[in-house]
Amino acid sequence: MPTINLRPNKLTLYKRPRSPLWQCRYKLDNGEWYRQSTGTDDQAEAEDIAFKLYYGAGEREKNNLPQNTRKFGNVARYAVTRMTEELDGGLDIEVVKSLEKASKAKFILFACEWIEDANFPSVRSENEEGTRKAIKHLYSLGHRKIGHVTGPKHNVLAQARKEAFICELKTLKLALKSQWIISGDFSLAAGCIAAQAWIALEDRPTAVFCASDQLALGFIAELSRHAYTVPDHVSVMGFDDIDFAEQYIPSLTSIRQDRFFLGETAASMLMQRIESPDEDSHEHTVILPVSLVVRESTAPLNLDKC
């Protein structure tokens, strides 16, 4: 058997049931990742299959685990992503790439993220179109100095959104200073640090598009600590439309991606491959639409305070 350098999370080996069908998921630290997983599980329930990567991160997850463990023959299928403390294990990206030409590569499917230059099937949201919608919204409010807080440097979602941001500013013939692109990592803490960088600027963007809602919420919170208000001093928006976005003060303008549908679609695609492995007409890449949700954190340019 070839070595695949699986890094198991030993804590999970003792508390999680075994299943012949595996699904490795990205970090589940907000409602959107949970919703994607619920979509996967619900679709699997409908097909009498159990997806079994359990993440012991809270009572909500524990209370929503399927009651039964059903089996699909004795076949193992793998959908692989990065490792966190909440996953059963992880594979290095190069190991996953090496599986591209394997006989069962068709059973490796990526949900939400993907590997550049690899030919694995995937389902994802319209990251580029969502970014364009965000910038056009800010532009329509009169903002001509627009900044961006990015996700992790080597993350495909962050790269796609950053590239689309730069392209859209060029399309709209807007200036872009290098210091208006602030590095982040999708977290609340990174949003706080990005806000400190914005405050330190002499020439500040009047609007900021954050690559995730958590970044945006951290950004707004840190501004509030320094007596800056949103959207009076700066308009801020995010990407994902997590549940908390609507309840935040101010409520967050965001790009909504349907995580539940994404998970449901990924499960359906994978099961089609399992049931008809020799079929050539399976969809290879599915890109799901996103939508703009306008709330209180964005407003027309206020020249008196910006």
C-alpha atoms as a PDB file:
ATOM      1  CA  MET A   1       0.000   0.000   0.000  1.00  0.00           C
ATOM      2  CA  PRO A   2       1.475   3.431  -0.927  1.00  0.00           C
ATOM      3  CA  THR A   3       2.321   5.942   1.780  1.00  0.00           C
ATOM      4  CA  ILE A   4      -0.080   8.908   1.776  1.00  0.00           C
ATOM      5  CA  ASN A   5       1.210  10.725   4.895  1.00  0.00           C
ATOM      6  CA  LEU A   6      -2.185  10.927   6.577  1.00  0.00           C
ATOM      7  CA  ARG A   7      -1.913  13.003   9.739  1.00  0.00           C
ATOM      8  CA  PRO A   8      -4.606  11.603  12.040  1.00  0.00           C
ATOM      9  CA  ASN A   9      -6.155  13.574  14.849  1.00  0.00           C
ATOM     10  CA  LYS A  10      -5.684  10.940  17.583  1.00  0.00           C
ATOM     11  CA  LEU A  11      -8.342  12.430  19.835  1.00  0.00           C
ATOM     12  CA  THR A  12     -11.011  11.606  17.266  1.00  0.00           C
ATOM     13  CA  LEU A  13     -10.058   7.956  16.949  1.00  0.00           C
ATOM     14  CA  TYR A  14     -11.671   7.105  20.276  1.00  0.00           C
ATOM     15  CA  LYS A  15     -14.908   9.075  20.134  1.00  0.00           C
ATOM     16  CA  ARG A  16     -16.163   8.913  16.531  1.00  0.00           C
ATOM     17  CA  PRO A  17     -17.920   6.035  14.787  1.00  0.00           C
ATOM     18  CA  ARG A  18     -16.335   4.485  11.734  1.00  0.00           C
ATOM     19  CA  SER A  19     -17.911   4.708   8.300  1.00  0.00           C
ATOM     20  CA  PRO A  20     -16.801   3.515   4.855  1.00  0.00           C
ATOM     21  CA  LEU A  21     -17.538   6.967   3.416  1.00  0.00           C
ATOM     22  CA  TRP A  22     -15.312   9.834   4.499  1.00  0.00           C
ATOM     23  CA  GLN A  23     -15.714  13.543   4.038  1.00  0.00           C
ATOM     24  CA  CYS A  24     -12.973  15.859   5.251  1.00  0.00           C
ATOM     25  CA  ARG A  25     -14.219  19.368   5.886  1.00  0.00           C
ATOM     26  CA  TYR A  26     -12.576  22.736   6.267  1.00  0.00           C
ATOM     27  CA  LYS A  27     -12.545  24.491   9.643  1.00  0.00           C
ATOM     28  CA  LEU A  28     -16.086  24.611  11.048  1.00  0.00           C
ATOM     29  CA  ASP A  29     -15.871  27.673  13.261  1.00  0.00           C
ATOM     30  CA  ASN A  30     -18.907  29.589  12.057  1.00  0.00           C
ATOM     31  CA  GLY A  31     -22.464  28.949  10.982  1.00  0.00           C
ATOM     32  CA  GLU A  32     -21.675  28.930   7.278  1.00  0.00           C
ATOM     33  CA  TRP A  33     -19.343  25.931   7.446  1.00  0.00           C
ATOM     34  CA  TYR A  34     -21.893  24.187   9.629  1.00  0.00           C
ATOM     35  CA  ARG A  35     -24.621  24.884   7.064  1.00  0.00           C
ATOM     36  CA  GLN A  36     -22.503  23.441   4.251  1.00  0.00           C
ATOM     37  CA  SER A  37     -21.997  20.275   6.270  1.00  0.00           C
ATOM     38  CA  THR A  38     -25.698  20.047   7.052  1.00  0.00           C
ATOM     39  CA  GLY A  39     -26.468  20.217   3.329  1.00  0.00           C
ATOM     40  CA  THR A  40     -24.051  17.368   2.724  1.00  0.00           C
ATOM     41  CA  ASP A  41     -25.532  15.267   5.502  1.00  0.00           C
ATOM     42  CA  ASP A  42     -29.133  15.899   4.466  1.00  0.00           C
ATOM     43  CA  GLN A  43     -28.458  14.851   0.885  1.00  0.00           C
ATOM     44  CA  ALA A  44     -26.670  11.763   2.123  1.00  0.00           C
ATOM     45  CA  GLU A  45     -29.647  10.928   4.361  1.00  0.00           C
ATOM     46  CA  ALA A  46     -31.921  11.050   1.322  1.00  0.00           C
ATOM     47  CA  GLU A  47     -29.690   8.554  -0.488  1.00  0.00           C
ATOM     48  CA  ASP A  48     -29.274   6.247   2.534  1.00  0.00           C
ATOM     49  CA  ILE A  49     -25.550   6.967   2.838  1.00  0.00           C
ATOM     50  CA  ALA A  50     -23.637   8.273   5.845  1.00  0.00           C
ATOM     51  CA  PHE A  51     -20.902  10.897   5.569  1.00  0.00           C
ATOM     52  CA  LYS A  52     -18.870  10.503   8.703  1.00  0.00           C
ATOM     53  CA  LEU A  53     -16.362  13.111   9.564  1.00  0.00           C
ATOM     54  CA  TYR A  54     -17.546  14.347  12.939  1.00  0.00           C
ATOM     55  CA  TYR A  55     -16.176  17.518  14.415  1.00  0.00           C
ATOM     56  CA  GLY A  56     -16.533  17.745  18.202  1.00  0.00           C
ATOM     57  CA  ALA A  57     -16.699  21.508  18.318  1.00  0.00           C
ATOM     58  CA  GLY A  58     -19.959  22.118  20.174  1.00  0.00           C
ATOM     59  CA  GLU A  59     -23.287  20.848  21.397  1.00  0.00           C
ATOM     60  CA  ARG A  60     -25.118  21.974  18.248  1.00  0.00           C
ATOM     61  CA  GLU A  61     -22.988  19.665  16.109  1.00  0.00           C
ATOM     62  CA  LYS A  62     -23.316  16.765  18.565  1.00  0.00           C
ATOM     63  CA  ASN A  63     -27.091  17.090  18.632  1.00  0.00           C
ATOM     64  CA  ASN A  64     -27.338  17.004  14.838  1.00  0.00           C
ATOM     65  CA  LEU A  65     -25.356  13.848  14.123  1.00  0.00           C
ATOM     66  CA  PRO A  66     -27.296  11.166  12.199  1.00  0.00           C
ATOM     67  CA  GLN A  67     -28.849   8.593  14.514  1.00  0.00           C
ATOM     68  CA  ASN A  68     -27.884   5.651  12.306  1.00  0.00           C
ATOM     69  CA  THR A  69     -24.655   4.650  10.659  1.00  0.00           C
ATOM     70  CA  ARG A  70     -25.453   3.165   7.250  1.00  0.00           C
ATOM     71  CA  LYS A  71     -23.007   1.555   4.894  1.00  0.00           C
ATOM     72  CA  PHE A  72     -22.432   1.739   1.178  1.00  0.00           C
ATOM     73  CA  GLY A  73     -20.846  -1.626   0.426  1.00  0.00           C
ATOM     74  CA  ASN A  74     -17.259  -1.623   1.627  1.00  0.00           C
ATOM     75  CA  VAL A  75     -16.102   1.295  -0.478  1.00  0.00           C
ATOM     76  CA  ALA A  76     -14.098   4.232   0.836  1.00  0.00           C
ATOM     77  CA  ARG A  77     -14.379   7.630  -0.850  1.00  0.00           C
ATOM     78  CA  TYR A  78     -12.372  10.674   0.015  1.00  0.00           C
ATOM     79  CA  ALA A  79     -12.993  14.416  -0.244  1.00  0.00           C
ATOM     80  CA  VAL A  80      -9.874  16.081   1.082  1.00  0.00           C
ATOM     81  CA  THR A  81      -9.096  19.519   2.465  1.00  0.00           C
ATOM     82  CA  ARG A  82      -6.695  21.080   4.963  1.00  0.00           C
ATOM     83  CA  MET A  83      -6.255  19.772   8.485  1.00  0.00           C
ATOM     84  CA  THR A  84      -7.456  21.520  11.645  1.00  0.00           C
ATOM     85  CA  GLU A  85      -7.783  20.333  15.194  1.00  0.00           C
ATOM     86  CA  GLU A  86     -11.427  19.512  14.428  1.00  0.00           C
ATOM     87  CA  LEU A  87     -10.783  17.075  11.573  1.00  0.00           C
ATOM     88  CA  ASP A  88     -10.116  13.354  11.665  1.00  0.00           C
ATOM     89  CA  GLY A  89      -6.907  13.971   9.745  1.00  0.00           C
ATOM     90  CA  GLY A  90      -5.293  15.758   6.848  1.00  0.00           C
ATOM     91  CA  LEU A  91      -3.257  15.186   3.703  1.00  0.00           C
ATOM     92  CA  ASP A  92      -0.537  17.416   2.325  1.00  0.00           C
ATOM     93  CA  ILE A  93      -1.570  19.277  -0.813  1.00  0.00           C
ATOM     94  CA  GLU A  94       1.168  17.603  -2.863  1.00  0.00           C
ATOM     95  CA  VAL A  95      -0.082  14.191  -1.799  1.00  0.00           C
ATOM     96  CA  VAL A  96      -3.568  15.071  -2.996  1.00  0.00           C
ATOM     97  CA  LYS A  97      -2.195  16.322  -6.312  1.00  0.00           C
ATOM     98  CA  SER A  98      -0.347  13.038  -6.771  1.00  0.00           C
ATOM     99  CA  LEU A  99      -3.686  11.230  -6.658  1.00  0.00           C
ATOM    100  CA  GLU A 100      -4.973  13.055  -9.735  1.00  0.00           C
ATOM    101  CA  LYS A 101      -4.084  10.222 -12.084  1.00  0.00           C
ATOM    102  CA  ALA A 102      -5.172   7.467  -9.719  1.00  0.00           C
ATOM    103  CA  SER A 103      -7.896   5.113 -10.914  1.00  0.00           C
ATOM    104  CA  LYS A 104     -10.319   6.379  -8.290  1.00  0.00           C
ATOM    105  CA  ALA A 105      -9.523  10.077  -8.624  1.00  0.00           C
ATOM    106  CA  LYS A 106     -13.089  10.648  -9.850  1.00  0.00           C
ATOM    107  CA  PHE A 107     -14.214   9.984  -6.277  1.00  0.00           C
ATOM    108  CA  ILE A 108     -12.150  12.879  -4.894  1.00  0.00           C
ATOM    109  CA  LEU A 109     -14.411  15.918  -4.907  1.00  0.00           C
ATOM    110  CA  PHE A 110     -13.755  19.390  -3.504  1.00  0.00           C
ATOM    111  CA  ALA A 111     -16.531  21.425  -1.907  1.00  0.00           C
ATOM    112  CA  CYS A 112     -16.054  25.213  -1.688  1.00  0.00           C
ATOM    113  CA  GLU A 113     -12.291  25.172  -2.288  1.00  0.00           C
ATOM    114  CA  TRP A 114     -10.177  23.494  -4.949  1.00  0.00           C
ATOM    115  CA  ILE A 115      -6.578  22.915  -6.031  1.00  0.00           C
ATOM    116  CA  GLU A 116      -5.313  25.135  -8.822  1.00  0.00           C
ATOM    117  CA  ASP A 117      -4.020  23.265 -11.884  1.00  0.00           C
ATOM    118  CA  ALA A 118      -5.532  19.981 -10.646  1.00  0.00           C
ATOM    119  CA  ASN A 119      -8.363  18.259 -12.470  1.00  0.00           C
ATOM    120  CA  PHE A 120     -10.504  17.082  -9.572  1.00  0.00           C
ATOM    121  CA  PRO A 121     -14.272  17.636  -9.700  1.00  0.00           C
ATOM    122  CA  SER A 122     -15.482  20.480  -7.513  1.00  0.00           C
ATOM    123  CA  VAL A 123     -18.413  22.633  -6.503  1.00  0.00           C
ATOM    124  CA  ARG A 124     -17.871  26.226  -5.462  1.00  0.00           C
ATOM    125  CA  SER A 125     -19.516  29.642  -5.328  1.00  0.00           C
ATOM    126  CA  GLU A 126     -19.059  32.519  -7.789  1.00  0.00           C
ATOM    127  CA  ASN A 127     -16.172  34.098  -5.911  1.00  0.00           C
ATOM    128  CA  GLU A 128     -15.155  36.435  -8.718  1.00  0.00           C
ATOM    129  CA  GLU A 129     -18.704  37.528  -9.548  1.00  0.00           C
ATOM    130  CA  GLY A 130     -19.449  38.055  -5.871  1.00  0.00           C
ATOM    131  CA  THR A 131     -16.432  40.325  -5.570  1.00  0.00           C
ATOM    132  CA  ARG A 132     -17.530  42.300  -8.624  1.00  0.00           C
ATOM    133  CA  LYS A 133     -20.992  42.734  -7.106  1.00  0.00           C
ATOM    134  CA  ALA A 134     -19.392  44.039  -3.914  1.00  0.00           C
ATOM    135  CA  ILE A 135     -17.219  46.616  -5.660  1.00  0.00           C
ATOM    136  CA  LYS A 136     -20.038  47.773  -7.936  1.00  0.00           C
ATOM    137  CA  HIS A 137     -22.237  48.266  -4.878  1.00  0.00           C
ATOM    138  CA  LEU A 138     -19.627  50.440  -3.156  1.00  0.00           C
ATOM    139  CA  TYR A 139     -19.025  52.336  -6.395  1.00  0.00           C
ATOM    140  CA  SER A 140     -22.768  52.999  -6.748  1.00  0.00           C
ATOM    141  CA  LEU A 141     -22.700  54.648  -3.304  1.00  0.00           C
ATOM    142  CA  GLY A 142     -20.129  57.170  -4.516  1.00  0.00           C
ATOM    143  CA  HIS A 143     -16.988  55.520  -3.137  1.00  0.00           C
ATOM    144  CA  ARG A 144     -13.922  55.932  -5.323  1.00  0.00           C
ATOM    145  CA  LYS A 145     -11.262  54.949  -2.773  1.00  0.00           C
ATOM    146  CA  ILE A 146     -11.923  51.289  -2.011  1.00  0.00           C
ATOM    147  CA  GLY A 147      -9.684  49.019   0.034  1.00  0.00           C
ATOM    148  CA  HIS A 148      -9.547  45.274   0.509  1.00  0.00           C
ATOM    149  CA  VAL A 149      -8.735  43.012   3.457  1.00  0.00           C
ATOM    150  CA  THR A 150      -7.603  39.683   2.031  1.00  0.00           C
ATOM    151  CA  GLY A 151      -7.886  36.117   3.208  1.00  0.00           C
ATOM    152  CA  PRO A 152      -4.871  33.809   3.747  1.00  0.00           C
ATOM    153  CA  LYS A 153      -2.101  34.342   1.203  1.00  0.00           C
ATOM    154  CA  HIS A 154      -2.152  30.877  -0.385  1.00  0.00           C
ATOM    155  CA  ASN A 155      -5.883  30.194  -0.077  1.00  0.00           C
ATOM    156  CA  VAL A 156      -7.659  29.800  -3.442  1.00  0.00           C
ATOM    157  CA  LEU A 157     -10.766  31.648  -2.248  1.00  0.00           C
ATOM    158  CA  ALA A 158      -8.695  34.583  -1.032  1.00  0.00           C
ATOM    159  CA  GLN A 159      -6.686  34.653  -4.258  1.00  0.00           C
ATOM    160  CA  ALA A 160      -9.799  34.556  -6.440  1.00  0.00           C
ATOM    161  CA  ARG A 161     -11.437  37.404  -4.527  1.00  0.00           C
ATOM    162  CA  LYS A 162      -8.298  39.534  -4.457  1.00  0.00           C
ATOM    163  CA  GLU A 163      -7.687  39.121  -8.185  1.00  0.00           C
ATOM    164  CA  ALA A 164     -11.305  39.955  -8.971  1.00  0.00           C
ATOM    165  CA  PHE A 165     -11.085  43.007  -6.699  1.00  0.00           C
ATOM    166  CA  ILE A 166      -8.054  44.352  -8.552  1.00  0.00           C
ATOM    167  CA  CYS A 167      -9.599  43.636 -11.964  1.00  0.00           C
ATOM    168  CA  GLU A 168     -12.873  45.337 -11.076  1.00  0.00           C
ATOM    169  CA  LEU A 169     -11.098  48.462  -9.846  1.00  0.00           C
ATOM    170  CA  LYS A 170      -9.231  48.583 -13.156  1.00  0.00           C
ATOM    171  CA  THR A 171     -12.508  48.167 -15.058  1.00  0.00           C
ATOM    172  CA  LEU A 172     -14.010  51.080 -13.127  1.00  0.00           C
ATOM    173  CA  LYS A 173     -10.782  53.087 -13.642  1.00  0.00           C
ATOM    174  CA  LEU A 174     -10.295  53.535  -9.897  1.00  0.00           C
ATOM    175  CA  ALA A 175      -6.948  54.206  -8.248  1.00  0.00           C
ATOM    176  CA  LEU A 176      -5.501  51.500  -6.019  1.00  0.00           C
ATOM    177  CA  LYS A 177      -2.670  52.134  -3.595  1.00  0.00           C
ATOM    178  CA  SER A 178      -0.715  49.114  -2.395  1.00  0.00           C
ATOM    179  CA  GLN A 179      -1.373  50.002   1.247  1.00  0.00           C
ATOM    180  CA  TRP A 180      -5.112  49.788   0.601  1.00  0.00           C
ATOM    181  CA  ILE A 181      -4.765  46.004   0.268  1.00  0.00           C
ATOM    182  CA  ILE A 182      -4.334  44.685   3.806  1.00  0.00           C
ATOM    183  CA  SER A 183      -3.410  41.057   4.467  1.00  0.00           C
ATOM    184  CA  GLY A 184      -5.708  38.938   6.606  1.00  0.00           C
ATOM    185  CA  ASP A 185      -6.672  35.329   7.246  1.00  0.00           C
ATOM    186  CA  PHE A 186     -10.511  35.143   7.371  1.00  0.00           C
ATOM    187  CA  SER A 187     -10.563  35.564  11.168  1.00  0.00           C
ATOM    188  CA  LEU A 188     -11.997  38.133  13.576  1.00  0.00           C
ATOM    189  CA  ALA A 189      -8.523  38.809  14.958  1.00  0.00           C
ATOM    190  CA  ALA A 190      -7.133  39.553  11.500  1.00  0.00           C
ATOM    191  CA  GLY A 191     -10.034  41.959  10.945  1.00  0.00           C
ATOM    192  CA  CYS A 192      -9.044  43.833  14.107  1.00  0.00           C
ATOM    193  CA  ILE A 193      -5.429  44.076  12.958  1.00  0.00           C
ATOM    194  CA  ALA A 194      -6.561  45.282   9.525  1.00  0.00           C
ATOM    195  CA  ALA A 195      -8.613  48.052  11.163  1.00  0.00           C
ATOM    196  CA  GLN A 196      -5.528  49.214  13.030  1.00  0.00           C
ATOM    197  CA  ALA A 197      -3.691  49.364   9.696  1.00  0.00           C
ATOM    198  CA  TRP A 198      -6.573  51.401   8.195  1.00  0.00           C
ATOM    199  CA  ILE A 199      -6.490  53.833  11.127  1.00  0.00           C
ATOM    200  CA  ALA A 200      -2.738  54.340  10.647  1.00  0.00           C
ATOM    201  CA  LEU A 201      -3.112  55.361   7.000  1.00  0.00           C
ATOM    202  CA  GLU A 202      -2.835  59.036   6.070  1.00  0.00           C
ATOM    203  CA  ASP A 203      -4.935  58.550   2.951  1.00  0.00           C
ATOM    204  CA  ARG A 204      -7.665  56.093   3.903  1.00  0.00           C
ATOM    205  CA  PRO A 205     -10.111  54.224   1.681  1.00  0.00           C
ATOM    206  CA  THR A 206     -13.682  55.400   2.255  1.00  0.00           C
ATOM    207  CA  ALA A 207     -14.948  51.844   1.765  1.00  0.00           C
ATOM    208  CA  VAL A 208     -13.416  48.445   2.557  1.00  0.00           C
ATOM    209  CA  PHE A 209     -14.356  45.086   1.085  1.00  0.00           C
ATOM    210  CA  CYS A 210     -13.329  42.216   3.371  1.00  0.00           C
ATOM    211  CA  ALA A 211     -12.757  38.730   1.979  1.00  0.00           C
ATOM    212  CA  SER A 212     -14.938  37.188   4.708  1.00  0.00           C
ATOM    213  CA  ASP A 213     -17.646  38.293   7.121  1.00  0.00           C
ATOM    214  CA  GLN A 214     -15.511  37.434  10.127  1.00  0.00           C
ATOM    215  CA  LEU A 215     -12.828  39.793   8.861  1.00  0.00           C
ATOM    216  CA  ALA A 216     -15.455  42.499   8.410  1.00  0.00           C
ATOM    217  CA  LEU A 217     -16.921  42.011  11.894  1.00  0.00           C
ATOM    218  CA  GLY A 218     -13.478  42.190  13.494  1.00  0.00           C
ATOM    219  CA  PHE A 219     -12.679  45.284  11.421  1.00  0.00           C
ATOM    220  CA  ILE A 220     -15.838  47.079  12.571  1.00  0.00           C
ATOM    221  CA  ALA A 221     -15.347  46.085  16.213  1.00  0.00           C
ATOM    222  CA  GLU A 222     -11.812  47.469  16.304  1.00  0.00           C
ATOM    223  CA  LEU A 223     -12.903  50.724  14.653  1.00  0.00           C
ATOM    224  CA  SER A 224     -15.558  51.111  17.324  1.00  0.00           C
ATOM    225  CA  ARG A 225     -12.921  50.790  20.048  1.00  0.00           C
ATOM    226  CA  HIS A 226     -11.156  53.782  18.488  1.00  0.00           C
ATOM    227  CA  ALA A 227     -14.335  55.884  18.174  1.00  0.00           C
ATOM    228  CA  TYR A 228     -14.787  55.370  14.431  1.00  0.00           C
ATOM    229  CA  THR A 229     -18.298  54.501  13.324  1.00  0.00           C
ATOM    230  CA  VAL A 230     -19.481  52.405  10.377  1.00  0.00           C
ATOM    231  CA  PRO A 231     -20.719  53.478   7.887  1.00  0.00           C
ATOM    232  CA  ASP A 232     -20.164  57.150   8.845  1.00  0.00           C
ATOM    233  CA  HIS A 233     -16.367  57.067   8.694  1.00  0.00           C
ATOM    234  CA  VAL A 234     -16.018  54.104   6.351  1.00  0.00           C
ATOM    235  CA  SER A 235     -18.344  51.634   4.638  1.00  0.00           C
ATOM    236  CA  VAL A 236     -17.487  47.985   5.302  1.00  0.00           C
ATOM    237  CA  MET A 237     -18.760  44.804   3.711  1.00  0.00           C
ATOM    238  CA  GLY A 238     -17.923  41.122   3.810  1.00  0.00           C
ATOM    239  CA  PHE A 239     -18.332  37.861   1.939  1.00  0.00           C
ATOM    240  CA  ASP A 240     -20.347  34.759   3.039  1.00  0.00           C
ATOM    241  CA  ASP A 241     -23.404  36.281   4.765  1.00  0.00           C
ATOM    242  CA  ILE A 242     -22.995  34.245   7.936  1.00  0.00           C
ATOM    243  CA  ASP A 243     -25.946  34.126  10.333  1.00  0.00           C
ATOM    244  CA  PHE A 244     -24.417  36.693  12.671  1.00  0.00           C
ATOM    245  CA  ALA A 245     -24.085  39.290   9.894  1.00  0.00           C
ATOM    246  CA  GLU A 246     -27.745  40.269  10.089  1.00  0.00           C
ATOM    247  CA  GLN A 247     -27.718  40.585  13.903  1.00  0.00           C
ATOM    248  CA  TYR A 248     -24.491  42.580  14.190  1.00  0.00           C
ATOM    249  CA  ILE A 249     -24.557  46.320  14.941  1.00  0.00           C
ATOM    250  CA  PRO A 250     -24.438  47.722  12.366  1.00  0.00           C
ATOM    251  CA  SER A 251     -25.874  44.829  10.365  1.00  0.00           C
ATOM    252  CA  LEU A 252     -23.355  43.745   7.766  1.00  0.00           C
ATOM    253  CA  THR A 253     -23.671  44.177   4.020  1.00  0.00           C
ATOM    254  CA  SER A 254     -22.335  40.978   2.487  1.00  0.00           C
ATOM    255  CA  ILE A 255     -22.175  38.635  -0.481  1.00  0.00           C
ATOM    256  CA  ARG A 256     -24.363  35.634   0.268  1.00  0.00           C
ATOM    257  CA  GLN A 257     -23.269  32.175  -0.769  1.00  0.00           C
ATOM    258  CA  ASP A 258     -25.652  29.304  -0.156  1.00  0.00           C
ATOM    259  CA  ARG A 259     -23.529  26.934   1.919  1.00  0.00           C
ATOM    260  CA  PHE A 260     -26.344  24.474   2.490  1.00  0.00           C
ATOM    261  CA  PHE A 261     -26.934  24.133  -1.260  1.00  0.00           C
ATOM    262  CA  LEU A 262     -23.186  23.896  -1.810  1.00  0.00           C
ATOM    263  CA  GLY A 263     -22.904  20.958   0.578  1.00  0.00           C
ATOM    264  CA  GLU A 264     -26.026  19.337  -0.859  1.00  0.00           C
ATOM    265  CA  THR A 265     -24.689  19.673  -4.400  1.00  0.00           C
ATOM    266  CA  ALA A 266     -21.294  18.260  -3.446  1.00  0.00           C
ATOM    267  CA  ALA A 267     -22.913  15.212  -1.838  1.00  0.00           C
ATOM    268  CA  SER A 268     -25.143  14.664  -4.861  1.00  0.00           C
ATOM    269  CA  MET A 269     -22.190  14.899  -7.282  1.00  0.00           C
ATOM    270  CA  LEU A 270     -20.142  12.444  -5.258  1.00  0.00           C
ATOM    271  CA  MET A 271     -22.970   9.939  -4.965  1.00  0.00           C
ATOM    272  CA  GLN A 272     -23.618  10.066  -8.707  1.00  0.00           C
ATOM    273  CA  ARG A 273     -19.998   9.029  -9.217  1.00  0.00           C
ATOM    274  CA  ILE A 274     -20.307   6.241  -6.701  1.00  0.00           C
ATOM    275  CA  GLU A 275     -23.478   4.869  -8.257  1.00  0.00           C
ATOM    276  CA  SER A 276     -22.358   5.263 -11.901  1.00  0.00           C
ATOM    277  CA  PRO A 277     -18.545   5.244 -11.839  1.00  0.00           C
ATOM    278  CA  ASP A 278     -18.202   4.635 -15.596  1.00  0.00           C
ATOM    279  CA  GLU A 279     -20.570   7.395 -16.652  1.00  0.00           C
ATOM    280  CA  ASP A 280     -18.800  10.158 -18.629  1.00  0.00           C
ATOM    281  CA  SER A 281     -21.524  12.797 -18.441  1.00  0.00           C
ATOM    282  CA  HIS A 282     -21.101  13.748 -14.784  1.00  0.00           C
ATOM    283  CA  GLU A 283     -20.688  17.482 -14.184  1.00  0.00           C
ATOM    284  CA  HIS A 284     -17.044  18.203 -13.442  1.00  0.00           C
ATOM    285  CA  THR A 285     -17.166  21.723 -12.036  1.00  0.00           C
ATOM    286  CA  VAL A 286     -20.306  23.355 -10.663  1.00  0.00           C
ATOM    287  CA  ILE A 287     -20.262  27.065  -9.829  1.00  0.00           C
ATOM    288  CA  LEU A 288     -23.191  28.276  -7.736  1.00  0.00           C
ATOM    289  CA  PRO A 289     -24.572  31.834  -7.873  1.00  0.00           C
ATOM    290  CA  VAL A 290     -24.129  34.393  -5.118  1.00  0.00           C
ATOM    291  CA  SER A 291     -26.160  37.491  -4.273  1.00  0.00           C
ATOM    292  CA  LEU A 292     -25.642  40.923  -2.749  1.00  0.00           C
ATOM    293  CA  VAL A 293     -27.334  41.526   0.612  1.00  0.00           C
ATOM    294  CA  VAL A 294     -27.421  45.235   1.473  1.00  0.00           C
ATOM    295  CA  ARG A 295     -27.629  46.200   5.155  1.00  0.00           C
ATOM    296  CA  GLU A 296     -26.484  49.018   7.419  1.00  0.00           C
ATOM    297  CA  SER A 297     -22.684  48.795   7.193  1.00  0.00           C
ATOM    298  CA  THR A 298     -22.523  50.460   3.769  1.00  0.00           C
ATOM    299  CA  ALA A 299     -23.854  53.908   2.918  1.00  0.00           C
ATOM    300  CA  PRO A 300     -23.309  56.774   0.470  1.00  0.00           C
ATOM    301  CA  LEU A 301     -19.981  58.541   0.750  1.00  0.00           C
ATOM    302  CA  ASN A 302     -19.947  60.990   3.683  1.00  0.00           C
ATOM    303  CA  LEU A 303     -17.376  63.622   2.800  1.00  0.00           C
ATOM    304  CA  ASP A 304     -17.775  65.352   6.172  1.00  0.00           C
ATOM    305  CA  LYS A 305     -16.362  62.351   8.047  1.00  0.00           C
ATOM    306  CA  CYS A 306     -14.304  60.414   5.497  1.00  0.00           C
END
